[in-house]
C-alpha atoms as a PDB file:
ATOM      1  CA  MET A   1       0.096   0.032  -0.019  1.00  0.00           C
ATOM      2  CA  GLU A   2       2.876   2.324   0.749  1.00  0.00           C
ATOM      3  CA  GLN A   3       4.071   2.018  -2.889  1.00  0.00           C
ATOM      4  CA  TRP A   4       0.593   2.842  -4.325  1.00  0.00           C
ATOM      5  CA  GLY A   5       0.694   5.970  -2.024  1.00  0.00           C
ATOM      6  CA  LEU A   6       4.017   7.134  -3.421  1.00  0.00           C
ATOM      7  CA  VAL A   7       2.761   6.680  -7.053  1.00  0.00           C
ATOM      8  CA  HIS A   8      -0.362   8.516  -6.208  1.00  0.00           C
ATOM      9  CA  ASN A   9       1.484  11.408  -4.665  1.00  0.00           C
ATOM     10  CA  ARG A  10       4.022  11.846  -7.541  1.00  0.00           C
ATOM     11  CA  GLY A  11       1.315  11.060 -10.359  1.00  0.00           C
ATOM     12  CA  SER A  12       3.484   8.614 -12.083  1.00  0.00           C
ATOM     13  CA  MET A  13       5.344   5.209 -11.490  1.00  0.00           C
ATOM     14  CA  PHE A  14       8.509   7.077 -12.260  1.00  0.00           C
ATOM     15  CA  GLN A  15      10.389   9.029  -9.717  1.00  0.00           C
ATOM     16  CA  GLY A  16       9.501  12.702  -9.963  1.00  0.00           C
ATOM     17  CA  GLY A  17       6.562  12.088 -12.384  1.00  0.00           C
ATOM     18  CA  VAL A  18       8.115  13.797 -15.312  1.00  0.00           C
ATOM     19  CA  ALA A  19       9.309  12.477 -18.717  1.00  0.00           C
ATOM     20  CA  GLU A  20      13.003  13.193 -18.001  1.00  0.00           C
ATOM     21  CA  ASN A  21      12.694  10.650 -15.122  1.00  0.00           C
ATOM     22  CA  ALA A  22      11.239   7.805 -17.183  1.00  0.00           C
ATOM     23  CA  PRO A  23      13.885   4.875 -17.435  1.00  0.00           C
ATOM     24  CA  PHE A  24      15.453   4.175 -20.940  1.00  0.00           C
ATOM     25  CA  ASN A  25      13.721   1.440 -22.952  1.00  0.00           C
ATOM     26  CA  THR A  26      15.913  -1.726 -22.842  1.00  0.00           C
ATOM     27  CA  SER A  27      15.950  -4.766 -25.024  1.00  0.00           C
ATOM     28  CA  MET A  28      18.203  -7.859 -25.067  1.00  0.00           C
ATOM     29  CA  ASP A  29      18.611 -11.057 -27.179  1.00  0.00           C
ATOM     30  CA  LEU A  30      21.045 -13.776 -26.733  1.00  0.00           C
ATOM     31  CA  SER A  31      21.390 -16.670 -29.120  1.00  0.00           C
ATOM     32  CA  ILE A  32      23.763 -19.561 -28.933  1.00  0.00           C
ATOM     33  CA  GLY A  33      23.767 -22.889 -30.611  1.00  0.00           C
ATOM     34  CA  ASP A  34      26.080 -25.672 -32.044  1.00  0.00           C
ATOM     35  CA  ALA A  35      26.213 -28.946 -33.661  1.00  0.00           C
ATOM     36  CA  PHE A  36      28.183 -31.876 -32.650  1.00  0.00           C
ATOM     37  CA  GLU A  37      29.258 -35.292 -34.306  1.00  0.00           C
ATOM     38  CA  ILE A  38      28.289 -38.110 -32.114  1.00  0.00           C
ATOM     39  CA  PRO A  39      28.404 -41.987 -32.945  1.00  0.00           C
ATOM     40  CA  MET A  40      24.689 -42.049 -33.926  1.00  0.00           C
ATOM     41  CA  GLY A  41      24.973 -39.052 -36.297  1.00  0.00           C
ATOM     42  CA  GLU A  42      24.864 -35.495 -35.865  1.00  0.00           C
ATOM     43  CA  PHE A  43      23.466 -33.598 -32.663  1.00  0.00           C
ATOM     44  CA  GLY A  44      22.538 -29.982 -32.579  1.00  0.00           C
ATOM     45  CA  VAL A  45      21.276 -27.567 -29.927  1.00  0.00           C
ATOM     46  CA  MET A  46      20.172 -23.974 -29.883  1.00  0.00           C
ATOM     47  CA  LEU A  47      19.118 -21.648 -27.111  1.00  0.00           C
ATOM     48  CA  ASN A  48      17.464 -17.987 -27.554  1.00  0.00           C
ATOM     49  CA  LEU A  49      16.571 -15.582 -24.795  1.00  0.00           C
ATOM     50  CA  THR A  50      14.994 -12.363 -24.938  1.00  0.00           C
ATOM     51  CA  ARG A  51      14.118  -9.747 -22.501  1.00  0.00           C
ATOM     52  CA  GLY A  52      12.858  -6.121 -22.722  1.00  0.00           C
ATOM     53  CA  ARG A  53      11.387  -3.318 -21.010  1.00  0.00           C
ATOM     54  CA  LYS A  54       9.363  -0.315 -22.399  1.00  0.00           C
ATOM     55  CA  TYR A  55       8.298   2.879 -20.614  1.00  0.00           C
ATOM     56  CA  THR A  56       5.874   5.309 -21.660  1.00  0.00           C
ATOM     57  CA  LEU A  57       4.820   8.674 -19.968  1.00  0.00           C
ATOM     58  CA  ILE A  58       2.435  11.266 -21.106  1.00  0.00           C
ATOM     59  CA  PRO A  59       2.403  14.098 -18.641  1.00  0.00           C
ATOM     60  CA  GLU A  60      -0.403  16.676 -18.232  1.00  0.00           C
ATOM     61  CA  LYS A  61      -2.663  15.709 -21.104  1.00  0.00           C
ATOM     62  CA  GLU A  62      -5.720  17.670 -21.136  1.00  0.00           C
ATOM     63  CA  VAL A  63      -9.112  15.624 -21.198  1.00  0.00           C
ATOM     64  CA  VAL A  64     -12.437  17.311 -21.824  1.00  0.00           C
ATOM     65  CA  ARG A  65     -15.760  15.847 -22.110  1.00  0.00           C
ATOM     66  CA  ALA A  66     -18.062  18.374 -23.989  1.00  0.00           C
ATOM     67  CA  PHE A  67     -21.773  17.968 -24.698  1.00  0.00           C
ATOM     68  CA  ARG A  68     -24.442  20.214 -25.928  1.00  0.00           C
ATOM     69  CA  PRO A  69     -27.672  20.095 -23.912  1.00  0.00           C
ATOM     70  CA  SER A  70     -30.203  20.814 -26.778  1.00  0.00           C
ATOM     71  CA  GLY A  71     -30.081  21.497 -30.528  1.00  0.00           C
ATOM     72  CA  PRO A  72     -27.622  23.707 -32.577  1.00  0.00           C
ATOM     73  CA  GLY A  73     -27.074  27.173 -31.511  1.00  0.00           C
ATOM     74  CA  THR A  74     -26.997  26.382 -27.832  1.00  0.00           C
ATOM     75  CA  PRO A  75     -23.561  26.640 -26.092  1.00  0.00           C
ATOM     76  CA  ILE A  76     -21.290  23.759 -25.739  1.00  0.00           C
ATOM     77  CA  LEU A  77     -20.756  22.829 -22.157  1.00  0.00           C
ATOM     78  CA  ILE A  78     -17.540  21.432 -20.818  1.00  0.00           C
ATOM     79  CA  ASP A  79     -18.065  19.133 -17.871  1.00  0.00           C
ATOM     80  CA  LYS A  80     -15.378  17.408 -16.003  1.00  0.00           C
ATOM     81  CA  ALA A  81     -12.208  19.011 -17.672  1.00  0.00           C
ATOM     82  CA  GLN A  82      -9.183  17.564 -16.288  1.00  0.00           C
ATOM     83  CA  THR A  83      -5.592  16.895 -16.693  1.00  0.00           C
ATOM     84  CA  GLN A  84      -4.147  13.357 -16.816  1.00  0.00           C
ATOM     85  CA  THR A  85      -0.825  11.969 -16.437  1.00  0.00           C
ATOM     86  CA  GLU A  86      -0.517   8.443 -17.952  1.00  0.00           C
ATOM     87  CA  SER A  87       2.385   6.271 -17.409  1.00  0.00           C
ATOM     88  CA  SER A  88       3.113   2.600 -18.207  1.00  0.00           C
ATOM     89  CA  GLU A  89       5.656   0.135 -17.973  1.00  0.00           C
ATOM     90  CA  GLU A  90       5.779  -3.124 -20.160  1.00  0.00           C
ATOM     91  CA  VAL A  91       7.996  -6.197 -19.375  1.00  0.00           C
ATOM     92  CA  GLU A  92       8.643  -8.985 -21.725  1.00  0.00           C
ATOM     93  CA  TRP A  93      10.722 -12.154 -21.782  1.00  0.00           C
ATOM     94  CA  GLY A  94      10.958 -15.318 -23.966  1.00  0.00           C
ATOM     95  CA  LEU A  95      12.851 -18.447 -24.325  1.00  0.00           C
ATOM     96  CA  LEU A  96      13.270 -20.637 -27.325  1.00  0.00           C
ATOM     97  CA  ALA A  97      15.253 -24.051 -26.850  1.00  0.00           C
ATOM     98  CA  SER A  98      15.644 -26.629 -29.610  1.00  0.00           C
ATOM     99  CA  ALA A  99      17.561 -29.859 -29.754  1.00  0.00           C
ATOM    100  CA  GLY A 100      17.850 -32.381 -32.682  1.00  0.00           C
ATOM    101  CA  ILE A 101      19.388 -35.388 -33.975  1.00  0.00           C
ATOM    102  CA  ARG A 102      20.144 -36.316 -37.595  1.00  0.00           C
ATOM    103  CA  PRO A 103      21.003 -40.182 -37.603  1.00  0.00           C
ATOM    104  CA  THR A 104      21.335 -40.148 -41.314  1.00  0.00           C
ATOM    105  CA  LYS A 105      21.350 -37.805 -44.241  1.00  0.00           C
ATOM    106  CA  ASN A 106      17.676 -38.020 -44.904  1.00  0.00           C
ATOM    107  CA  HIS A 107      16.200 -38.507 -41.332  1.00  0.00           C
ATOM    108  CA  GLU A 108      15.999 -35.869 -38.513  1.00  0.00           C
ATOM    109  CA  VAL A 109      14.219 -35.715 -35.157  1.00  0.00           C
ATOM    110  CA  ALA A 110      14.012 -32.396 -33.389  1.00  0.00           C
ATOM    111  CA  PHE A 111      12.249 -31.056 -30.247  1.00  0.00           C
ATOM    112  CA  SER A 112      11.498 -27.203 -29.643  1.00  0.00           C
ATOM    113  CA  PHE A 113      10.179 -25.366 -26.600  1.00  0.00           C
ATOM    114  CA  PHE A 114       8.963 -21.945 -26.624  1.00  0.00           C
ATOM    115  CA  ARG A 115       7.832 -19.711 -23.698  1.00  0.00           C
ATOM    116  CA  TYR A 116       6.769 -16.034 -23.926  1.00  0.00           C
ATOM    117  CA  ARG A 117       5.393 -13.848 -21.258  1.00  0.00           C
ATOM    118  CA  SER A 118       4.631 -10.213 -21.062  1.00  0.00           C
ATOM    119  CA  ALA A 119       3.130  -7.768 -18.483  1.00  0.00           C
ATOM    120  CA  GLN A 120       1.968  -4.343 -18.558  1.00  0.00           C
ATOM    121  CA  ASP A 121       1.208  -1.848 -15.678  1.00  0.00           C
ATOM    122  CA  GLU A 122      -0.567   1.299 -16.424  1.00  0.00           C
ATOM    123  CA  ILE A 123      -1.358   4.298 -14.154  1.00  0.00           C
ATOM    124  CA  THR A 124      -3.633   7.106 -15.100  1.00  0.00           C
ATOM    125  CA  GLN A 125      -3.927  10.042 -12.418  1.00  0.00           C
ATOM    126  CA  GLY A 126      -6.419  12.721 -13.197  1.00  0.00           C
ATOM    127  CA  ARG A 127      -6.554  16.020 -11.550  1.00  0.00           C
ATOM    128  CA  ARG A 128      -9.884  18.145 -11.923  1.00  0.00           C
ATOM    129  CA  VAL A 129      -9.456  21.473 -13.502  1.00  0.00           C
ATOM    130  CA  GLY A 130     -13.016  22.613 -13.108  1.00  0.00           C
ATOM    131  CA  ARG A 131     -16.204  23.358 -15.177  1.00  0.00           C
ATOM    132  CA  SER A 132     -16.363  26.016 -17.844  1.00  0.00           C
ATOM    133  CA  ASN A 133     -18.515  27.175 -20.947  1.00  0.00           C
ATOM    134  CA  LEU A 134     -17.609  27.390 -24.572  1.00  0.00           C
ATOM    135  CA  ASN A 135     -19.737  29.626 -26.753  1.00  0.00           C
END
């Protein structure tokens, strides 16, 4: 609960709540693999790992909900005008592992495993500006 209180007070999940304080987006991919001669033929393995983080911050975006109470010619009323700060963090990781054996030139048996996960946290904090009329 203390963490949510800090997020609420600064208006963003990033320290300070301004775009300059959003961390850099990061991405990492690693692939390794090789093939070996064994008495039964050729054996190969491959492993690929991927991980990334993406941050987004839109500070002080103005949001206005306008409506016209009756027909044309009547003033447009703005109700619930507010500013919003939106911040999000997306984390993803993946794994691809593969192993195979080729006992003869025309035969091959392989096994592959794939796993991918992603998660996204979004926070929107709105501050009421007030009500006004547009003519």
